Every structure is written in C-alpha cells, then in structure tokens.
Protein backbone atom coordinates (compact mmCIF):
# COMPACT_ATOMS: atom_id res chain seq x y z
CA MET A 1 -2.02 39.96 -22.55
CA ASN A 2 0.64 40.09 -19.87
CA SER A 3 -1.85 41.23 -17.25
CA LYS A 4 -4.16 38.38 -18.17
CA GLU A 5 -1.31 35.88 -17.91
CA ILE A 6 -0.41 37.15 -14.45
CA GLY A 7 -4.03 36.95 -13.32
CA ILE A 8 -4.44 33.41 -14.60
CA ASN A 9 -1.23 32.30 -12.99
CA GLN A 10 -2.34 33.78 -9.68
CA LEU A 11 -5.71 32.02 -9.72
CA LYS A 12 -5.07 28.46 -8.62
CA ARG A 13 -7.59 25.63 -8.62
CA ARG A 14 -7.82 25.84 -4.86
CA ASP A 15 -9.24 29.36 -5.29
CA PHE A 16 -12.40 28.00 -6.90
CA LEU A 17 -12.55 24.42 -5.63
CA ARG A 18 -13.39 23.57 -2.06
CA ALA A 19 -10.79 21.67 -0.05
CA GLY A 20 -12.70 18.53 -0.91
CA LEU A 21 -11.19 17.99 -4.36
CA VAL A 22 -8.05 19.02 -6.19
CA PHE A 23 -7.54 18.07 -9.81
CA GLY A 24 -4.13 17.96 -11.50
CA ALA A 25 -3.57 17.79 -15.25
CA GLY A 26 -0.43 16.48 -16.88
CA ALA A 27 1.83 18.73 -18.93
CA ALA A 28 2.00 16.25 -21.82
CA GLY A 29 -1.69 16.72 -22.52
CA LEU A 30 -1.31 20.47 -22.86
CA ALA A 31 1.54 20.10 -25.30
CA ALA A 32 -0.59 17.80 -27.45
CA GLY A 33 -3.65 20.02 -27.44
CA TYR A 34 -5.41 18.00 -24.77
CA ALA A 35 -6.54 21.18 -23.04
CA ALA A 36 -8.77 22.14 -25.94
CA VAL A 37 -10.80 18.92 -25.72
CA PRO A 38 -13.98 19.71 -23.79
CA ASP A 39 -15.01 16.38 -22.25
CA ALA A 40 -12.63 14.99 -19.64
CA PHE A 41 -13.79 11.39 -19.77
CA ALA A 42 -13.92 11.26 -23.58
CA ARG A 43 -10.22 12.04 -23.84
CA ALA A 44 -9.26 8.38 -23.91
CA VAL A 45 -9.01 8.75 -27.68
CA TYR A 46 -6.11 11.12 -27.16
CA ALA A 47 -4.53 9.41 -24.18
CA ALA A 48 -5.09 5.71 -24.91
CA LYS A 49 -1.94 3.63 -24.51
CA GLN A 50 -1.91 0.75 -26.98
CA ASN A 51 0.43 -1.26 -24.77
CA GLY A 52 -0.98 -0.08 -21.48
CA ILE A 53 -2.37 -2.05 -18.57
CA ALA A 54 -5.46 -4.08 -19.41
CA ASN A 55 -6.28 -5.72 -16.07
CA ASP A 56 -8.62 -4.21 -13.49
CA ASN A 57 -6.40 -4.76 -10.45
CA VAL A 58 -6.13 -1.99 -7.85
CA LEU A 59 -3.22 -0.99 -5.62
CA VAL A 60 -3.76 0.77 -2.27
CA MET A 61 -0.60 2.22 -0.69
CA ILE A 62 -0.83 3.12 3.00
CA GLN A 63 1.90 5.49 4.18
CA LEU A 64 2.80 5.09 7.86
CA ALA A 65 4.27 8.56 8.09
CA GLY A 66 7.00 9.40 10.57
CA GLY A 67 8.98 6.16 10.58
CA ASN A 68 7.15 3.04 11.76
CA ASP A 69 8.89 0.88 14.40
CA GLY A 70 9.32 -2.44 12.63
CA LEU A 71 10.39 -4.28 15.78
CA ARG A 72 7.04 -3.42 17.40
CA THR A 73 5.10 -4.34 14.23
CA LEU A 74 6.70 -7.72 13.53
CA VAL A 75 8.03 -8.69 16.96
CA PRO A 76 11.02 -11.03 17.49
CA LEU A 77 9.75 -13.42 20.14
CA SER A 78 12.87 -15.35 21.08
CA ASP A 79 15.83 -12.97 20.73
CA PRO A 80 17.16 -12.02 24.22
CA THR A 81 19.11 -9.12 22.72
CA LEU A 82 15.81 -7.27 22.22
CA HIS A 83 15.29 -7.08 25.98
CA ASP A 84 18.82 -5.76 26.50
CA MET A 85 18.28 -3.03 23.91
CA ARG A 86 14.75 -2.15 24.95
CA PRO A 87 14.33 -2.60 28.71
CA LYS A 88 11.09 -0.54 28.75
CA LEU A 89 9.59 -1.51 25.40
CA ALA A 90 10.53 -5.17 24.89
CA GLY A 91 8.66 -6.88 27.74
CA PRO A 92 5.06 -5.90 26.90
CA MET A 93 5.55 -6.13 23.16
CA VAL A 94 6.89 -9.70 23.36
CA SER A 95 4.51 -11.05 25.99
CA GLN A 96 1.39 -9.69 24.23
CA ALA A 97 2.41 -10.37 20.61
CA LEU A 98 0.18 -12.51 18.37
CA PRO A 99 2.45 -15.41 17.32
CA LEU A 100 2.88 -16.17 13.62
CA ASN A 101 5.41 -18.89 14.38
CA LYS A 102 7.87 -19.65 17.19
CA ASP A 103 10.14 -16.74 16.25
CA TYR A 104 7.85 -13.86 15.25
CA GLY A 105 4.53 -12.34 16.19
CA LEU A 106 2.43 -9.33 15.23
CA ASN A 107 1.78 -6.38 17.52
CA HIS A 108 -1.07 -7.35 19.83
CA ASN A 109 -3.30 -4.63 18.37
CA LEU A 110 -3.11 -6.13 14.86
CA GLY A 111 -5.75 -8.76 15.59
CA GLY A 112 -7.71 -8.15 12.39
CA ILE A 113 -4.59 -8.38 10.25
CA LYS A 114 -3.61 -11.54 12.18
CA GLY A 115 -7.01 -12.93 11.15
CA LEU A 116 -6.19 -12.16 7.52
CA TRP A 117 -2.81 -13.87 8.01
CA ASP A 118 -4.59 -16.99 9.28
CA LYS A 119 -6.68 -16.96 6.08
CA GLY A 120 -3.55 -16.73 3.91
CA LYS A 121 -4.03 -13.09 2.95
CA VAL A 122 -0.96 -11.36 4.47
CA ALA A 123 2.65 -11.37 3.27
CA ILE A 124 5.34 -9.67 5.35
CA VAL A 125 8.61 -8.67 3.71
CA GLN A 126 11.24 -8.32 6.43
CA GLY A 127 14.24 -6.03 6.57
CA VAL A 128 13.26 -3.67 3.75
CA GLY A 129 15.44 -0.63 3.16
CA TYR A 130 18.19 0.71 0.90
CA GLN A 131 21.94 1.20 0.88
CA ASN A 132 23.46 4.13 2.82
CA PRO A 133 20.20 5.16 4.50
CA THR A 134 19.45 8.73 5.41
CA PHE A 135 17.74 9.51 8.70
CA SER A 136 16.09 12.69 7.42
CA HIS A 137 12.30 12.42 7.09
CA PHE A 138 12.29 14.64 4.01
CA GLU A 139 15.12 12.90 2.18
CA SER A 140 14.03 9.36 2.98
CA ILE A 141 10.41 10.05 2.04
CA ARG A 142 11.65 11.39 -1.27
CA ILE A 143 13.68 8.22 -1.84
CA TRP A 144 10.70 5.96 -1.16
CA GLU A 145 8.33 8.14 -3.20
CA THR A 146 10.56 8.36 -6.26
CA GLY A 147 12.08 4.88 -6.00
CA ASP A 148 15.52 6.45 -6.37
CA PRO A 149 18.11 6.22 -3.54
CA THR A 150 20.41 8.57 -5.51
CA ARG A 151 17.81 11.35 -5.02
CA ARG A 152 18.08 12.47 -8.63
CA SER A 153 14.50 11.67 -9.63
CA VAL A 154 11.67 14.12 -9.14
CA GLU A 155 8.64 12.11 -10.28
CA GLY A 156 7.02 9.55 -8.01
CA TRP A 157 7.13 5.86 -8.86
CA LEU A 158 3.33 5.69 -8.99
CA GLY A 159 3.21 8.91 -10.99
CA ARG A 160 5.53 7.32 -13.55
CA THR A 161 3.24 4.30 -13.60
CA LEU A 162 0.29 6.57 -14.35
CA ALA A 163 2.19 8.35 -17.10
CA LYS A 164 3.67 5.27 -18.76
CA ALA A 165 1.03 2.59 -18.35
CA TYR A 166 -2.42 4.14 -17.78
CA ASP A 167 -4.81 6.42 -19.62
CA SER A 168 -4.87 8.82 -16.69
CA ASN A 169 -5.31 11.95 -18.84
CA GLY A 170 -8.60 10.56 -20.10
CA HIS A 171 -9.65 9.27 -16.70
CA PRO A 172 -8.69 11.60 -13.83
CA LEU A 173 -9.74 9.10 -11.15
CA THR A 174 -7.24 6.43 -12.26
CA GLY A 175 -4.75 7.69 -9.67
CA CYS A 176 -6.25 9.13 -6.51
CA ALA A 177 -5.08 10.28 -3.08
CA CYS A 178 -7.85 9.95 -0.49
CA GLY A 179 -8.05 11.98 2.70
CA ALA A 180 -5.40 14.44 1.50
CA THR A 181 -5.19 18.02 0.30
CA ASP A 182 -2.05 17.73 -1.84
CA VAL A 183 -0.73 15.26 -4.37
CA PRO A 184 1.52 12.75 -2.55
CA GLY A 185 5.05 12.62 -3.91
CA ALA A 186 4.59 8.99 -4.96
CA LEU A 187 1.81 10.01 -7.38
CA ARG A 188 3.46 13.17 -8.67
CA ASP A 189 4.45 13.32 -12.35
CA LEU A 190 4.14 16.17 -14.84
CA GLN A 191 2.97 13.74 -17.50
CA ALA A 192 0.18 12.22 -15.41
CA THR A 193 -3.27 13.28 -14.27
CA MET A 194 -4.56 12.44 -10.81
CA THR A 195 -7.22 13.49 -8.33
CA VAL A 196 -6.91 14.40 -4.65
CA ILE A 197 -10.05 14.12 -2.51
CA GLN A 198 -9.99 15.22 1.09
CA ASN A 199 -13.65 14.54 1.83
CA GLN A 200 -16.23 13.18 -0.60
CA LYS A 201 -18.98 15.01 1.27
CA THR A 202 -17.58 18.50 0.63
CA PHE A 203 -16.25 18.44 -2.93
CA GLY A 204 -17.56 21.08 -5.29
CA PHE A 205 -17.10 24.73 -6.22
CA THR A 206 -16.86 27.29 -3.44
CA GLY A 207 -19.90 29.51 -3.82
CA GLY A 208 -21.92 26.87 -5.64
CA SER A 209 -23.21 26.79 -9.20
CA GLU A 210 -23.35 30.58 -9.64
CA VAL A 211 -19.64 30.94 -8.99
CA GLU A 212 -18.96 27.95 -11.21
CA ALA A 213 -20.89 29.52 -14.09
CA ALA A 214 -19.25 32.93 -13.63
CA VAL A 215 -15.73 31.52 -13.51
CA GLY A 216 -16.39 29.35 -16.55
CA ALA A 217 -17.80 32.26 -18.57
CA LEU A 218 -14.88 34.51 -17.62
CA TYR A 219 -12.24 32.13 -18.86
CA LYS A 220 -14.12 30.93 -21.90
CA GLY A 221 -13.61 34.49 -23.09
CA THR A 222 -9.86 34.25 -22.63
CA PRO A 223 -8.10 33.51 -25.93
CA GLY A 224 -5.33 31.01 -26.50
CA ILE A 225 -3.90 28.19 -24.44
CA TYR A 226 -4.73 29.82 -21.09
CA GLY A 227 -8.42 29.92 -21.86
CA ALA A 228 -8.34 26.33 -23.14
CA LEU A 229 -6.49 25.22 -20.03
CA PHE A 230 -9.00 26.80 -17.68
CA ASP A 231 -11.99 25.60 -19.71
CA THR A 232 -10.58 22.11 -19.49
CA ALA A 233 -9.92 22.39 -15.77
CA ILE A 234 -13.54 23.48 -15.21
CA ALA A 235 -14.94 20.73 -17.45
CA THR A 236 -12.75 18.07 -15.86
CA ALA A 237 -13.64 19.18 -12.35
CA ASN A 238 -17.33 19.15 -13.26
CA ASP A 239 -17.15 15.65 -14.69
CA THR A 240 -15.08 14.34 -11.80
CA ILE A 241 -17.45 15.87 -9.25
CA ALA A 242 -20.43 14.34 -11.06
CA THR A 243 -18.77 10.93 -11.11
CA LEU A 244 -18.00 11.13 -7.39
CA ARG A 245 -21.55 12.17 -6.56
CA THR A 246 -22.94 9.27 -8.57
CA SER A 247 -20.47 6.95 -6.87
CA SER A 248 -21.46 8.20 -3.42
CA ALA A 249 -25.16 7.79 -4.15
CA SER A 250 -24.77 4.18 -5.33
CA TYR A 251 -22.34 2.98 -2.64
CA GLN A 252 -23.50 1.14 0.46
CA PRO A 253 -20.68 0.31 2.91
CA MET A 254 -20.66 -3.31 4.05
CA ALA A 255 -18.40 -2.75 7.05
CA ASP A 256 -18.20 -0.47 10.07
CA TYR A 257 -15.56 2.21 9.49
CA SER A 258 -14.77 4.22 12.61
CA ASP A 259 -12.54 7.24 13.04
CA LYS A 260 -13.81 7.77 16.57
CA VAL A 261 -10.78 6.07 18.05
CA LYS A 262 -9.14 7.76 21.04
CA LEU A 263 -5.43 7.97 20.38
CA VAL A 264 -2.64 8.88 22.75
CA TYR A 265 -1.25 10.63 19.69
CA SER A 266 -3.80 13.17 18.44
CA SER A 267 -4.20 12.26 14.80
CA LYS A 268 -6.28 14.04 12.18
CA ASN A 269 -5.44 11.60 9.41
CA GLN A 270 -8.79 9.79 9.48
CA LEU A 271 -7.43 6.67 7.85
CA ALA A 272 -10.71 4.78 8.09
CA ALA A 273 -12.60 7.57 6.31
CA ALA A 274 -9.93 7.68 3.59
CA LEU A 275 -10.12 3.91 3.07
CA GLN A 276 -13.91 4.02 3.01
CA LEU A 277 -13.71 6.59 0.23
CA GLY A 278 -11.25 4.29 -1.53
CA ALA A 279 -13.70 1.39 -1.20
CA GLU A 280 -16.45 3.57 -2.64
CA LEU A 281 -14.33 4.43 -5.67
CA ILE A 282 -13.42 0.77 -6.19
CA VAL A 283 -16.80 -0.91 -5.78
CA THR A 284 -18.75 1.63 -7.85
CA GLY A 285 -16.52 1.23 -10.89
CA THR A 286 -15.02 4.71 -11.20
CA GLY A 287 -11.93 3.26 -12.87
CA VAL A 288 -9.56 3.97 -9.98
CA LYS A 289 -6.36 1.88 -10.11
CA LEU A 290 -3.80 3.53 -7.82
CA LEU A 291 -4.87 4.78 -4.39
CA HIS A 292 -2.74 6.46 -1.74
CA VAL A 293 -3.73 7.10 1.88
CA THR A 294 -1.73 8.22 4.91
CA LEU A 295 -1.69 7.55 8.64
CA GLY A 296 0.68 9.84 10.54
CA GLY A 297 2.08 9.87 14.05
CA PHE A 298 4.85 7.27 13.80
CA ASP A 299 7.75 9.54 14.78
CA THR A 300 7.83 8.01 18.25
CA HIS A 301 10.84 9.60 19.93
CA TYR A 302 9.19 9.48 23.34
CA THR A 303 6.55 7.45 25.28
CA GLU A 304 6.33 5.06 22.37
CA LEU A 305 4.66 2.16 24.14
CA ASN A 306 1.07 3.42 24.18
CA ARG A 307 1.38 5.70 21.17
CA HIS A 308 2.57 3.00 18.82
CA ASP A 309 0.10 0.44 20.15
CA ASP A 310 -2.75 2.88 19.53
CA LEU A 311 -1.58 3.56 15.98
CA MET A 312 -1.30 -0.18 15.31
CA GLY A 313 -4.88 -0.60 16.52
CA TYR A 314 -6.07 2.27 14.34
CA LEU A 315 -4.33 0.80 11.30
CA ASP A 316 -5.80 -2.61 12.07
CA SER A 317 -9.40 -1.46 12.45
CA ALA A 318 -9.28 0.63 9.27
CA VAL A 319 -7.69 -2.08 7.13
CA SER A 320 -9.99 -4.76 8.55
CA ALA A 321 -13.10 -2.74 7.69
CA PHE A 322 -11.72 -1.94 4.23
CA TYR A 323 -11.06 -5.60 3.45
CA GLN A 324 -14.45 -6.69 4.82
CA ASP A 325 -16.15 -4.05 2.66
CA LEU A 326 -14.28 -5.12 -0.48
CA GLU A 327 -14.96 -8.80 0.18
CA ALA A 328 -18.69 -8.21 0.68
CA HIS A 329 -18.82 -6.33 -2.64
CA GLY A 330 -16.92 -9.06 -4.48
CA LYS A 331 -13.86 -6.88 -5.15
CA ALA A 332 -11.28 -8.27 -2.70
CA ASP A 333 -9.62 -10.47 -5.31
CA LYS A 334 -8.59 -7.39 -7.31
CA VAL A 335 -7.10 -5.24 -4.53
CA LEU A 336 -3.57 -5.33 -3.09
CA ILE A 337 -2.96 -3.30 0.07
CA ALA A 338 0.65 -2.35 0.89
CA THR A 339 2.20 -0.35 3.73
CA TRP A 340 5.31 1.81 3.51
CA SER A 341 7.19 4.14 5.84
CA GLU A 342 10.26 6.30 5.30
CA PHE A 343 12.36 4.27 7.73
CA GLY A 344 12.17 2.04 10.80
CA ARG A 345 13.36 2.92 14.30
CA ARG A 346 16.67 2.25 15.99
CA PRO A 347 16.82 -1.12 17.79
CA LYS A 348 17.99 0.53 21.02
CA GLU A 349 15.39 2.58 22.88
CA ASN A 350 16.26 6.09 24.07
CA ALA A 351 16.02 7.64 27.54
CA SER A 352 12.52 8.98 26.83
CA GLY A 353 10.91 5.59 26.38
CA GLY A 354 10.93 5.97 22.61
CA THR A 355 13.12 5.19 19.63
CA ASP A 356 14.98 7.41 17.20
CA HIS A 357 15.22 7.32 13.42
CA GLY A 358 16.41 3.95 12.15
CA ALA A 359 16.73 2.08 8.88
CA ALA A 360 15.33 -1.32 7.82
CA ALA A 361 11.78 -2.39 8.70
CA PRO A 362 9.08 -4.84 7.50
CA LEU A 363 6.37 -4.02 4.98
CA LEU A 364 2.89 -5.55 5.08
CA LEU A 365 1.23 -6.75 1.85
CA MET A 366 -2.41 -7.66 2.37
CA GLY A 367 -5.33 -8.96 0.37
CA ASP A 368 -6.40 -11.89 -1.78
CA PRO A 369 -3.58 -11.44 -4.35
CA VAL A 370 -0.77 -12.29 -1.88
CA LYS A 371 0.88 -15.57 -0.99
CA SER A 372 0.89 -15.50 2.79
CA GLY A 373 4.21 -15.85 4.59
CA LEU A 374 7.39 -14.18 5.76
CA TYR A 375 9.80 -13.04 3.05
CA GLY A 376 13.29 -11.58 3.13
CA ALA A 377 15.24 -11.83 6.39
CA GLU A 378 14.80 -10.05 9.70
CA PRO A 379 17.96 -7.99 10.30
CA SER A 380 20.18 -9.25 13.10
CA LEU A 381 20.09 -7.43 16.44
CA THR A 382 23.70 -8.46 17.09
CA ASN A 383 25.12 -7.47 13.70
CA LEU A 384 24.25 -3.80 13.34
CA ASP A 385 25.69 -1.29 10.90
CA SER A 386 28.23 1.39 11.83
CA THR A 387 25.45 3.72 13.05
CA GLY A 388 23.93 1.12 15.36
CA ASN A 389 21.01 0.43 13.04
CA LEU A 390 19.53 -2.68 11.48
CA LYS A 391 21.05 -3.72 8.15
CA TYR A 392 18.59 -4.06 5.33
CA ALA A 393 18.03 -7.43 3.65
CA VAL A 394 15.64 -6.45 0.82
CA ASP A 395 15.90 -3.41 -1.45
CA PHE A 396 12.55 -1.59 -1.30
CA ARG A 397 12.53 -1.48 -5.10
CA SER A 398 12.27 -5.28 -5.11
CA VAL A 399 8.89 -4.85 -3.43
CA TYR A 400 7.87 -2.17 -5.93
CA GLN A 401 9.02 -4.40 -8.77
CA GLU A 402 6.78 -7.26 -7.64
CA ILE A 403 3.80 -4.94 -7.23
CA LEU A 404 4.31 -3.38 -10.65
CA GLY A 405 4.95 -6.52 -12.66
CA GLY A 406 3.04 -9.09 -10.66
CA HIS A 407 -0.10 -7.17 -9.70
CA LEU A 408 -0.44 -4.18 -12.00
CA GLY A 409 1.05 -5.78 -15.10
CA ALA A 410 3.34 -2.78 -15.69
CA ASP A 411 6.89 -2.76 -17.03
CA SER A 412 8.79 -2.39 -13.75
CA ASN A 413 12.15 -2.00 -15.49
CA ASP A 414 10.81 0.99 -17.44
CA ILE A 415 9.34 2.58 -14.31
CA LEU A 416 12.14 1.82 -11.84
CA GLY A 417 15.03 2.11 -14.28
CA GLY A 418 16.44 -1.34 -13.53
CA SER A 419 15.70 -4.82 -12.24
CA PHE A 420 16.07 -6.10 -8.68
CA ASP A 421 16.02 -9.37 -6.80
CA ARG A 422 12.63 -11.09 -6.90
CA VAL A 423 10.46 -11.27 -3.80
CA ASP A 424 7.72 -13.66 -4.86
CA PHE A 425 4.88 -12.66 -2.53
CA LEU A 426 2.04 -12.64 -5.09
CA ARG A 427 -0.15 -15.55 -6.13
CA ALA A 428 -0.38 -15.19 -9.89
CA PRO A 429 1.72 -12.73 -11.87
CA VAL A 430 0.02 -10.76 -14.61
CA ALA A 431 1.67 -10.94 -18.02
CA VAL A 432 3.14 -7.61 -19.13
C-alpha cells in the first residue's frame, strides 16, 4: 500500500494532461466523498449552495503583471510637477494623451478604451492601494491576490468566492484561468475547483485515447480514496475536455483578435488569445463566472517610454476585440472587466528612462455594468509619502467589495473579512 501511495503522489495531473488544460479539485469534496461520484457535471447535487449566487454575471480580471505605471495610464494633463519629476517621460505622455476632461487623459494608445469611455462604459478608480505598501513583487502580488494586507491569508479572494458562493465542485469551468499553466493566486483555494487552460487547441491527454484508457484502467483497480480520487480526476478531465471541444465547435468570433503585435518588450502572454478563449467560454454557455488573464512586462525600470506605450496598445486592442465580440453575441451586459497590478511606479523617473516600484495607481473597470467616470482621488504629486511615493486614496478592497456585492451578488464581508468604504462605480447592484 505504501508503494502505491508513493506512486500516486508522484504522478501529477500534468503527467497525463497536455499543457493545454490543468484541472484542480477542492479538498472539501474529497472529505465529503465527492471523489467517488463518477460524473463531474452531475455533482451539483453534492455541491449546490442554497444561498449561492443566482445571477449569470461574469467577472474578467486582467492582471497587468510587473507594476503598471498609473501616471502613464491615467495622465495628469495640467500638473507642472509631473514635468519636473519626469523630464524624459512627461512631455510625450501629456502632449499625446486622449483627454477625458481638462485635468486627465488616457495613454494615447488606449484609443479603443477611450471609445468605450465615450459610450459610458469605463470607470476609473484613482489612487488605489493599501496602507504601508511593500515594493516586493512577490509580497504585493500576494496581498492583492488574497485581499489581505497583513499577509496572513493563503487563499485568493476569487478562490474564496468560488468556495463560498458558487457550485464550483459540480462545475469545474465556473472559475477559469485562460492563457496560463498554473492556478493564479487570486483563484487558489483548497475548498474550490477551477480549471486552467493554456490553449484550447491543445487540451487533451498526452498520447491520446489509448493512454487515457490505460491510465483510467490502472487507477480504477486501485482501492480506496486514491483510486476514487484518480477516477474522478480522469472523469472530470474527460467531461471538461468534451465541454471545451463542444464550445470551440459552436463559437464564431465576432471580432478580430490579434496577438501578432510587435512589442519592444518581448511578451509571450498572448492576452488577445486568452481573452478570445474567455469570450468563447462566455458566449457558448459553459457556466464560467470568474475569469483571470494576465499581461506581463510592466516592470519598466528602463526605457519605459516605448515599452509601456506598446503594452498599453496591446491591452487596448485585446480588450476592444473582447468587448466587440461580447457585444455582437449579446453578452456584454453581463460581463465586467477589471484590471489590477501589484503596485504603480514611483512618480520620479530614474536615470535609465524608467520608473521604479511605487505604490498607488488607478484601476480600470470596463463594460456595460459600470457607471462611467472618475472615482477616488488622484494622489498628489507634491504631497508624497516618506518613501517618495504616491499616497493611496482608495483601499483596493473597496474595489473588490463593489465587484463582489454589486456585480457578482456575493457576500463581500464574508469573503473579505470586513467592510470598506463604498466606491459606487456600478450601475445596478445585485441583491445578495
């Protein structure tokens, strides 16, 4: 028995699934005998939450990994201090900005998002951060992913949402990371089930159906909880793969997604492809509710001018195509798109034509559910904190709180462990 246990522990799902799909099962289901139930999508009987979320709204979180420069995303147009602090960066970013009003404009490469703003479909929350910020990528990402500035929490805020408010054990596509190979920290929770899809064209078992059959037969002969666990993993993977193949066959994109964008920063994140997969899951009715995608390259310590502009353009083209696709399929009214990044950049540029790790920065909320406008307060360039960084005006959990309660209809106090100041950027709150 011991040798079998060691062998099973050594064989991970990645050993028999291609890089295209990774499935994760929650620990709570195993404790309740969930692993012995053969049909993944029939498990709603076990996992149904009587007081769970009943609406069909969808959240798409876009991580701008590396620390997005907020001052080059939402540009102060009339503050002379900006030019003193950024002699290389300020001139072009101000002169080319797309004005929202007399004081602020969007980066000139955010033309599609500016078009959504003009239609009343973009809310920008300014000066978002948290008290006593850390400038470590790892630590700050953990804070944003868990929703806990004390760094005591392990589970992600979206993972807790899956565990507490959704039947994710019965429906593995409820929470999904697109264009990734690992579960993002924001979705991680031992009590939740989620799916990670790197590429919808390559998901399946390595070695094809013969390997699938052999692996299944081997572990069906294993007694006890380990055999049940592996049987369930195989059955769930099979059902999820079948659902994705059906989804792919019935989906016709209604927008031009392009990842053939030449970047100064060489990026392999393929944001447009990840969002197109997200659109496929949404419009074909797979039951997806929480989506996470990532665009990297924002750690702009040097030659930031062209690098950041390119990344802004890449973000803009991907989001614009995604929204156009959803709108053409009649799904745009259900989908909220939100950006997040571990921190902003310092207001003063460095000697390399870049900016170092900062603190507060704006977040973009996009889609039909938002009330367009500027929220919060842009941190002052003349009243910096003791480290020379922008002071935050809005706790990032206030943004999470509005998303959870106002869009998803979840109990934000239960998920975030407290209540925070309201930031009323949504059109019509959903009753919890």
